[in-house]
Every structure is written in C-alpha cells, then in structure tokens.
C-alpha cells in the first residue's frame, strides 16, 4: 500500500512539475487576482479536471476512448486552435500596474471556462496522463490501485493550490506589473510552442 502511494506521488509530481499551459494559467490567475480566494475557481477547476483525467486513466476508460482515430484527431485539432488563441490573448495582455492587474483579472465563470479548457483541451497532457498514470496503475489492484490514484489526485490539488499561492506572492511583490508583462510573454510562447508541437505530431501521423 505504501509503495503504491509513493509511486503515485512520484509519477504525478513528475508529470505536473514541468512548465505547461495549465500551470502557467493557474500561476497567472494567482498573480492577477486581488485576493487569493478570488483564484479559488481556477484552483478547484484545474484540480477537478485532473482528478477526472486520472480516474479515467486508472479505470482504463480513456484508453478505450482514444482508440478512435477520428476522436483523437478532433481532440488534437481543438487543442491546437485553443492554445494558439490563448497564446494570442495572453501575449496581448499589457498589465502595467497592480491596479491594472486587478482590473484585468478574470471573473469566476471565465476562470472556470479557461481552466477547464487548458486542462481538457490539451491532448499532450491527456496522453501523458493515460500513458504514464494509466500504465503505472496496471500493476495494482483493489485497495492498492485506489491508493495509487488517491496519491496522484492529492498531488494535483496540492500543486495547483501552491502554484496559485506562489502567483499571489509574485503579484504582491511586483507592484509595477512589469514582471507580469514578462511572464505573460513567456506564457504565450509556452502556449504557442505546445500548439506547434501538437500540430507537428498530428501532421506527422
């Protein structure tokens, strides 16, 4: 049981740590929201989406769904378009001061919509979840499989909460807003890079 939990923690941490679209969005919202509690919609949505993907991967449902080539292609295409759009919107963001940052912070509904999109419309993240967590869970059964899944899910909730908190800290320290401008540019590049990578993979099949 302990081994399954440790395995789940390590796998989930390895998947979630790299700089990606989901992480960038959660951090940015933590930084731009006037108060930490205002970023709870993005934290909860990203965590719930990861929980769903992990459960689908562990239960084997996602593997069955992705066996349909047309569905996989549609998922990739939707993800690419969304990432390019998000990159453009993020690049155009011109936060210049703490006041402007607060005024540009997304409301709860937009946070939920965008967080769900960057979580569920990112085929690379979905395939990683299926390939790594789904495959890793195959060696377990019963209570051990449940413990493995719970450990992976716990990492997601802890990570996104910590990431938004780190963003809030960065936002408080960056009174001029210049740091956020740089972070937005970097975020846009990450989104575009992910979109191009997915497009290359789709065209190469």
C-alpha atoms as a PDB file:
ATOM      1  CA  UNK A   1       0.000   0.000   0.000  1.00  0.00           C
ATOM      2  CA  UNK A   2       2.768   2.457   0.982  1.00  0.00           C
ATOM      3  CA  UNK A   3       4.660   1.569  -2.185  1.00  0.00           C
ATOM      4  CA  UNK A   4       1.627   2.356  -4.346  1.00  0.00           C
ATOM      5  CA  UNK A   5       1.172   5.724  -2.625  1.00  0.00           C
ATOM      6  CA  UNK A   6       4.833   6.694  -3.070  1.00  0.00           C
ATOM      7  CA  UNK A   7       4.726   5.546  -6.697  1.00  0.00           C
ATOM      8  CA  UNK A   8       1.618   7.679  -7.307  1.00  0.00           C
ATOM      9  CA  UNK A   9       3.216  10.743  -5.696  1.00  0.00           C
ATOM     10  CA  UNK A  10       6.393  10.450  -7.757  1.00  0.00           C
ATOM     11  CA  UNK A  11       4.623   9.838 -11.070  1.00  0.00           C
ATOM     12  CA  UNK A  12       2.100  12.647 -10.585  1.00  0.00           C
ATOM     13  CA  UNK A  13       4.801  15.078  -9.448  1.00  0.00           C
ATOM     14  CA  UNK A  14       6.931  14.249 -12.469  1.00  0.00           C
ATOM     15  CA  UNK A  15       4.020  14.957 -14.799  1.00  0.00           C
ATOM     16  CA  UNK A  16       2.801  18.152 -13.166  1.00  0.00           C
ATOM     17  CA  UNK A  17       6.096  19.937 -12.416  1.00  0.00           C
ATOM     18  CA  UNK A  18       7.197  20.894 -15.971  1.00  0.00           C
ATOM     19  CA  UNK A  19       6.145  24.323 -17.235  1.00  0.00           C
ATOM     20  CA  UNK A  20       2.945  23.841 -19.206  1.00  0.00           C
ATOM     21  CA  UNK A  21      -0.181  25.706 -20.257  1.00  0.00           C
ATOM     22  CA  UNK A  22      -2.211  24.601 -17.244  1.00  0.00           C
ATOM     23  CA  UNK A  23       0.496  25.600 -14.750  1.00  0.00           C
ATOM     24  CA  UNK A  24       1.039  28.946 -16.471  1.00  0.00           C
ATOM     25  CA  UNK A  25      -2.661  29.799 -16.359  1.00  0.00           C
ATOM     26  CA  UNK A  26      -3.079  28.887 -12.682  1.00  0.00           C
ATOM     27  CA  UNK A  27       0.027  30.889 -11.712  1.00  0.00           C
ATOM     28  CA  UNK A  28      -1.091  33.914 -13.735  1.00  0.00           C
ATOM     29  CA  UNK A  29      -4.525  33.931 -12.139  1.00  0.00           C
ATOM     30  CA  UNK A  30      -2.972  33.692  -8.701  1.00  0.00           C
ATOM     31  CA  UNK A  31      -0.844  36.720  -9.567  1.00  0.00           C
ATOM     32  CA  UNK A  32      -3.566  38.872 -11.140  1.00  0.00           C
ATOM     33  CA  UNK A  33      -6.408  38.233  -8.684  1.00  0.00           C
ATOM     34  CA  UNK A  34      -6.690  40.907  -5.942  1.00  0.00           C
ATOM     35  CA  UNK A  35      -7.059  38.232  -3.233  1.00  0.00           C
ATOM     36  CA  UNK A  36      -6.070  34.566  -3.036  1.00  0.00           C
ATOM     37  CA  UNK A  37      -9.669  33.421  -2.523  1.00  0.00           C
ATOM     38  CA  UNK A  38     -10.551  35.027  -5.853  1.00  0.00           C
ATOM     39  CA  UNK A  39      -8.295  32.447  -7.518  1.00  0.00           C
ATOM     40  CA  UNK A  40     -10.146  29.502  -5.963  1.00  0.00           C
ATOM     41  CA  UNK A  41     -12.266  28.894  -9.108  1.00  0.00           C
ATOM     42  CA  UNK A  42      -9.162  28.242 -11.219  1.00  0.00           C
ATOM     43  CA  UNK A  43      -7.556  26.092  -8.488  1.00  0.00           C
ATOM     44  CA  UNK A  44     -10.654  23.952  -7.986  1.00  0.00           C
ATOM     45  CA  UNK A  45     -11.411  23.617 -11.714  1.00  0.00           C
ATOM     46  CA  UNK A  46      -7.861  22.594 -12.654  1.00  0.00           C
ATOM     47  CA  UNK A  47      -7.759  20.127  -9.751  1.00  0.00           C
ATOM     48  CA  UNK A  48     -11.165  18.616 -10.559  1.00  0.00           C
ATOM     49  CA  UNK A  49     -10.233  18.244 -14.245  1.00  0.00           C
ATOM     50  CA  UNK A  50      -7.001  16.483 -13.286  1.00  0.00           C
ATOM     51  CA  UNK A  51      -8.949  14.260 -10.884  1.00  0.00           C
ATOM     52  CA  UNK A  52     -11.312  13.250 -13.690  1.00  0.00           C
ATOM     53  CA  UNK A  53      -8.445  12.536 -16.117  1.00  0.00           C
ATOM     54  CA  UNK A  54      -6.572  10.485 -13.504  1.00  0.00           C
ATOM     55  CA  UNK A  55      -9.661   8.425 -12.642  1.00  0.00           C
ATOM     56  CA  UNK A  56     -10.395   7.805 -16.336  1.00  0.00           C
ATOM     57  CA  UNK A  57      -6.779   6.760 -16.882  1.00  0.00           C
ATOM     58  CA  UNK A  58      -6.682   4.429 -13.869  1.00  0.00           C
ATOM     59  CA  UNK A  59     -10.032   2.872 -14.778  1.00  0.00           C
ATOM     60  CA  UNK A  60      -8.887   2.386 -18.379  1.00  0.00           C
ATOM     61  CA  UNK A  61     -11.757   4.374 -19.886  1.00  0.00           C
ATOM     62  CA  UNK A  62      -9.542   6.970 -21.579  1.00  0.00           C
ATOM     63  CA  UNK A  63      -7.505   4.278 -23.355  1.00  0.00           C
ATOM     64  CA  UNK A  64     -10.655   2.866 -24.913  1.00  0.00           C
ATOM     65  CA  UNK A  65     -11.886   6.308 -25.992  1.00  0.00           C
ATOM     66  CA  UNK A  66      -8.561   7.314 -27.592  1.00  0.00           C
ATOM     67  CA  UNK A  67      -8.560   4.166 -29.709  1.00  0.00           C
ATOM     68  CA  UNK A  68     -10.901   6.001 -32.077  1.00  0.00           C
ATOM     69  CA  UNK A  69      -8.614   7.819 -34.528  1.00  0.00           C
ATOM     70  CA  UNK A  70     -11.223  10.392 -35.522  1.00  0.00           C
ATOM     71  CA  UNK A  71     -11.814  11.348 -31.884  1.00  0.00           C
ATOM     72  CA  UNK A  72      -8.095  11.641 -31.216  1.00  0.00           C
ATOM     73  CA  UNK A  73      -7.657  13.856 -34.309  1.00  0.00           C
ATOM     74  CA  UNK A  74     -10.595  16.067 -33.283  1.00  0.00           C
ATOM     75  CA  UNK A  75      -9.161  16.391 -29.773  1.00  0.00           C
ATOM     76  CA  UNK A  76      -5.769  17.420 -31.121  1.00  0.00           C
ATOM     77  CA  UNK A  77      -7.269  19.927 -33.582  1.00  0.00           C
ATOM     78  CA  UNK A  78      -9.445  21.565 -30.906  1.00  0.00           C
ATOM     79  CA  UNK A  79      -6.494  21.712 -28.532  1.00  0.00           C
ATOM     80  CA  UNK A  80      -4.199  23.314 -31.110  1.00  0.00           C
ATOM     81  CA  UNK A  81      -6.712  26.025 -32.031  1.00  0.00           C
ATOM     82  CA  UNK A  82      -7.408  26.816 -28.391  1.00  0.00           C
ATOM     83  CA  UNK A  83      -3.716  27.002 -27.461  1.00  0.00           C
ATOM     84  CA  UNK A  84      -2.970  29.380 -30.339  1.00  0.00           C
ATOM     85  CA  UNK A  85      -5.926  31.571 -29.303  1.00  0.00           C
ATOM     86  CA  UNK A  86      -4.910  31.560 -25.624  1.00  0.00           C
ATOM     87  CA  UNK A  87      -1.343  32.416 -26.609  1.00  0.00           C
ATOM     88  CA  UNK A  88      -2.502  35.404 -28.633  1.00  0.00           C
ATOM     89  CA  UNK A  89      -4.760  36.701 -25.851  1.00  0.00           C
ATOM     90  CA  UNK A  90      -2.002  36.271 -23.257  1.00  0.00           C
ATOM     91  CA  UNK A  91       0.606  37.989 -25.451  1.00  0.00           C
ATOM     92  CA  UNK A  92      -1.685  40.996 -25.935  1.00  0.00           C
ATOM     93  CA  UNK A  93      -2.230  41.380 -22.191  1.00  0.00           C
ATOM     94  CA  UNK A  94      -0.496  44.583 -21.078  1.00  0.00           C
ATOM     95  CA  UNK A  95      -0.643  44.709 -17.308  1.00  0.00           C
ATOM     96  CA  UNK A  96       1.227  47.856 -16.308  1.00  0.00           C
ATOM     97  CA  UNK A  97       0.435  48.238 -12.611  1.00  0.00           C
ATOM     98  CA  UNK A  98      -1.115  46.433  -9.648  1.00  0.00           C
ATOM     99  CA  UNK A  99      -4.375  48.310 -10.191  1.00  0.00           C
ATOM    100  CA  UNK A 100      -4.490  47.381 -13.866  1.00  0.00           C
ATOM    101  CA  UNK A 101      -3.672  43.794 -12.950  1.00  0.00           C
ATOM    102  CA  UNK A 102      -6.681  43.614 -10.635  1.00  0.00           C
ATOM    103  CA  UNK A 103      -8.953  45.092 -13.287  1.00  0.00           C
ATOM    104  CA  UNK A 104      -7.769  42.505 -15.842  1.00  0.00           C
ATOM    105  CA  UNK A 105      -8.257  39.525 -13.508  1.00  0.00           C
ATOM    106  CA  UNK A 106     -10.777  37.037 -14.841  1.00  0.00           C
ATOM    107  CA  UNK A 107     -14.091  36.526 -13.094  1.00  0.00           C
ATOM    108  CA  UNK A 108     -15.108  33.146 -11.666  1.00  0.00           C
ATOM    109  CA  UNK A 109     -17.007  31.974 -14.776  1.00  0.00           C
ATOM    110  CA  UNK A 110     -14.137  32.815 -17.141  1.00  0.00           C
ATOM    111  CA  UNK A 111     -11.615  31.240 -14.784  1.00  0.00           C
ATOM    112  CA  UNK A 112     -13.634  28.024 -14.759  1.00  0.00           C
ATOM    113  CA  UNK A 113     -14.118  28.025 -18.540  1.00  0.00           C
ATOM    114  CA  UNK A 114     -10.468  28.710 -19.359  1.00  0.00           C
ATOM    115  CA  UNK A 115      -9.108  26.366 -16.668  1.00  0.00           C
ATOM    116  CA  UNK A 116     -11.323  23.544 -17.929  1.00  0.00           C
ATOM    117  CA  UNK A 117     -10.217  24.270 -21.494  1.00  0.00           C
ATOM    118  CA  UNK A 118      -6.466  24.295 -20.800  1.00  0.00           C
ATOM    119  CA  UNK A 119      -6.931  21.091 -18.784  1.00  0.00           C
ATOM    120  CA  UNK A 120      -9.237  19.120 -21.071  1.00  0.00           C
ATOM    121  CA  UNK A 121      -8.263  20.553 -24.481  1.00  0.00           C
ATOM    122  CA  UNK A 122      -4.571  19.830 -24.035  1.00  0.00           C
ATOM    123  CA  UNK A 123      -4.084  16.466 -25.799  1.00  0.00           C
ATOM    124  CA  UNK A 124      -0.448  16.309 -24.705  1.00  0.00           C
ATOM    125  CA  UNK A 125      -1.460  16.396 -21.038  1.00  0.00           C
ATOM    126  CA  UNK A 126      -4.244  13.863 -21.623  1.00  0.00           C
ATOM    127  CA  UNK A 127      -1.940  11.432 -23.422  1.00  0.00           C
ATOM    128  CA  UNK A 128       0.667  11.833 -20.659  1.00  0.00           C
ATOM    129  CA  UNK A 129      -1.959  11.025 -18.055  1.00  0.00           C
ATOM    130  CA  UNK A 130      -3.133   7.967 -19.976  1.00  0.00           C
ATOM    131  CA  UNK A 131       0.356   6.786 -20.878  1.00  0.00           C
ATOM    132  CA  UNK A 132       2.103   7.357 -17.546  1.00  0.00           C
ATOM    133  CA  UNK A 133      -0.520   7.231 -14.785  1.00  0.00           C
ATOM    134  CA  UNK A 134      -2.808   4.805 -16.606  1.00  0.00           C
ATOM    135  CA  UNK A 135       0.073   2.454 -17.393  1.00  0.00           C
ATOM    136  CA  UNK A 136       1.543   2.832 -13.898  1.00  0.00           C
ATOM    137  CA  UNK A 137      -1.747   1.779 -12.319  1.00  0.00           C
ATOM    138  CA  UNK A 138      -1.843  -1.531 -14.216  1.00  0.00           C
ATOM    139  CA  UNK A 139       0.449  -3.210 -11.690  1.00  0.00           C
ATOM    140  CA  UNK A 140      -2.000  -2.575  -8.858  1.00  0.00           C
ATOM    141  CA  UNK A 141      -5.426  -3.865  -7.973  1.00  0.00           C
ATOM    142  CA  UNK A 142      -8.096  -3.223  -5.378  1.00  0.00           C
ATOM    143  CA  UNK A 143      -7.050  -1.057  -2.443  1.00  0.00           C
ATOM    144  CA  UNK A 144      -3.538  -0.508  -3.824  1.00  0.00           C
ATOM    145  CA  UNK A 145      -4.906   0.879  -7.105  1.00  0.00           C
ATOM    146  CA  UNK A 146      -7.229   3.182  -5.141  1.00  0.00           C
ATOM    147  CA  UNK A 147      -4.284   4.374  -3.012  1.00  0.00           C
ATOM    148  CA  UNK A 148      -2.187   4.969  -6.145  1.00  0.00           C
ATOM    149  CA  UNK A 149      -4.974   7.046  -7.730  1.00  0.00           C
ATOM    150  CA  UNK A 150      -5.579   8.976  -4.487  1.00  0.00           C
ATOM    151  CA  UNK A 151      -1.885   9.891  -4.259  1.00  0.00           C
ATOM    152  CA  UNK A 152      -1.876  11.192  -7.851  1.00  0.00           C
ATOM    153  CA  UNK A 153      -5.020  13.220  -7.204  1.00  0.00           C
ATOM    154  CA  UNK A 154      -3.643  14.649  -3.936  1.00  0.00           C
ATOM    155  CA  UNK A 155      -0.556  15.924  -5.782  1.00  0.00           C
ATOM    156  CA  UNK A 156      -2.760  17.816  -8.251  1.00  0.00           C
ATOM    157  CA  UNK A 157      -4.765  19.577  -5.543  1.00  0.00           C
ATOM    158  CA  UNK A 158      -1.676  20.470  -3.508  1.00  0.00           C
ATOM    159  CA  UNK A 159       0.271  21.617  -6.559  1.00  0.00           C
ATOM    160  CA  UNK A 160      -2.374  23.928  -8.011  1.00  0.00           C
ATOM    161  CA  UNK A 161      -3.076  25.469  -4.612  1.00  0.00           C
ATOM    162  CA  UNK A 162       0.651  26.101  -4.078  1.00  0.00           C
ATOM    163  CA  UNK A 163       1.083  27.420  -7.617  1.00  0.00           C
ATOM    164  CA  UNK A 164      -1.710  29.980  -7.224  1.00  0.00           C
ATOM    165  CA  UNK A 165      -0.270  30.987  -3.825  1.00  0.00           C
ATOM    166  CA  UNK A 166       3.144  31.495  -5.439  1.00  0.00           C
ATOM    167  CA  UNK A 167       1.482  33.605  -8.129  1.00  0.00           C
ATOM    168  CA  UNK A 168      -0.229  35.701  -5.448  1.00  0.00           C
ATOM    169  CA  UNK A 169       3.127  36.268  -3.758  1.00  0.00           C
ATOM    170  CA  UNK A 170       4.744  37.277  -7.050  1.00  0.00           C
ATOM    171  CA  UNK A 171       1.853  39.631  -7.759  1.00  0.00           C
ATOM    172  CA  UNK A 172       2.231  41.311  -4.371  1.00  0.00           C
ATOM    173  CA  UNK A 173       5.959  41.784  -4.868  1.00  0.00           C
ATOM    174  CA  UNK A 174       5.534  43.122  -8.407  1.00  0.00           C
ATOM    175  CA  UNK A 175       3.844  46.452  -7.698  1.00  0.00           C
ATOM    176  CA  UNK A 176       4.772  47.904 -11.109  1.00  0.00           C
ATOM    177  CA  UNK A 177       3.317  44.998 -13.074  1.00  0.00           C
ATOM    178  CA  UNK A 178       6.468  44.666 -15.207  1.00  0.00           C
ATOM    179  CA  UNK A 179       7.149  41.118 -14.028  1.00  0.00           C
ATOM    180  CA  UNK A 180       3.653  40.057 -15.072  1.00  0.00           C
ATOM    181  CA  UNK A 181       4.183  41.527 -18.541  1.00  0.00           C
ATOM    182  CA  UNK A 182       7.298  39.364 -18.928  1.00  0.00           C
ATOM    183  CA  UNK A 183       5.506  36.309 -17.514  1.00  0.00           C
ATOM    184  CA  UNK A 184       2.609  36.847 -19.916  1.00  0.00           C
ATOM    185  CA  UNK A 185       5.019  36.920 -22.871  1.00  0.00           C
ATOM    186  CA  UNK A 186       6.681  33.738 -21.619  1.00  0.00           C
ATOM    187  CA  UNK A 187       3.272  32.133 -21.086  1.00  0.00           C
ATOM    188  CA  UNK A 188       2.239  32.952 -24.638  1.00  0.00           C
ATOM    189  CA  UNK A 189       5.427  31.399 -26.013  1.00  0.00           C
ATOM    190  CA  UNK A 190       4.786  28.223 -23.985  1.00  0.00           C
ATOM    191  CA  UNK A 191       1.228  28.018 -25.329  1.00  0.00           C
ATOM    192  CA  UNK A 192       2.303  28.588 -28.928  1.00  0.00           C
ATOM    193  CA  UNK A 193       5.163  26.127 -28.547  1.00  0.00           C
ATOM    194  CA  UNK A 194       2.800  23.463 -27.223  1.00  0.00           C
ATOM    195  CA  UNK A 195       0.357  24.149 -30.058  1.00  0.00           C
ATOM    196  CA  UNK A 196       3.096  23.853 -32.711  1.00  0.00           C
ATOM    197  CA  UNK A 197       4.406  20.671 -31.093  1.00  0.00           C
ATOM    198  CA  UNK A 198       0.925  19.125 -31.158  1.00  0.00           C
ATOM    199  CA  UNK A 199       0.385  20.238 -34.758  1.00  0.00           C
ATOM    200  CA  UNK A 200       3.691  18.667 -35.815  1.00  0.00           C
ATOM    201  CA  UNK A 201       2.686  15.433 -34.103  1.00  0.00           C
ATOM    202  CA  UNK A 202      -0.731  15.454 -35.753  1.00  0.00           C
ATOM    203  CA  UNK A 203       0.682  16.100 -39.239  1.00  0.00           C
ATOM    204  CA  UNK A 204       3.391  13.507 -38.722  1.00  0.00           C
ATOM    205  CA  UNK A 205       0.924  10.682 -38.124  1.00  0.00           C
END
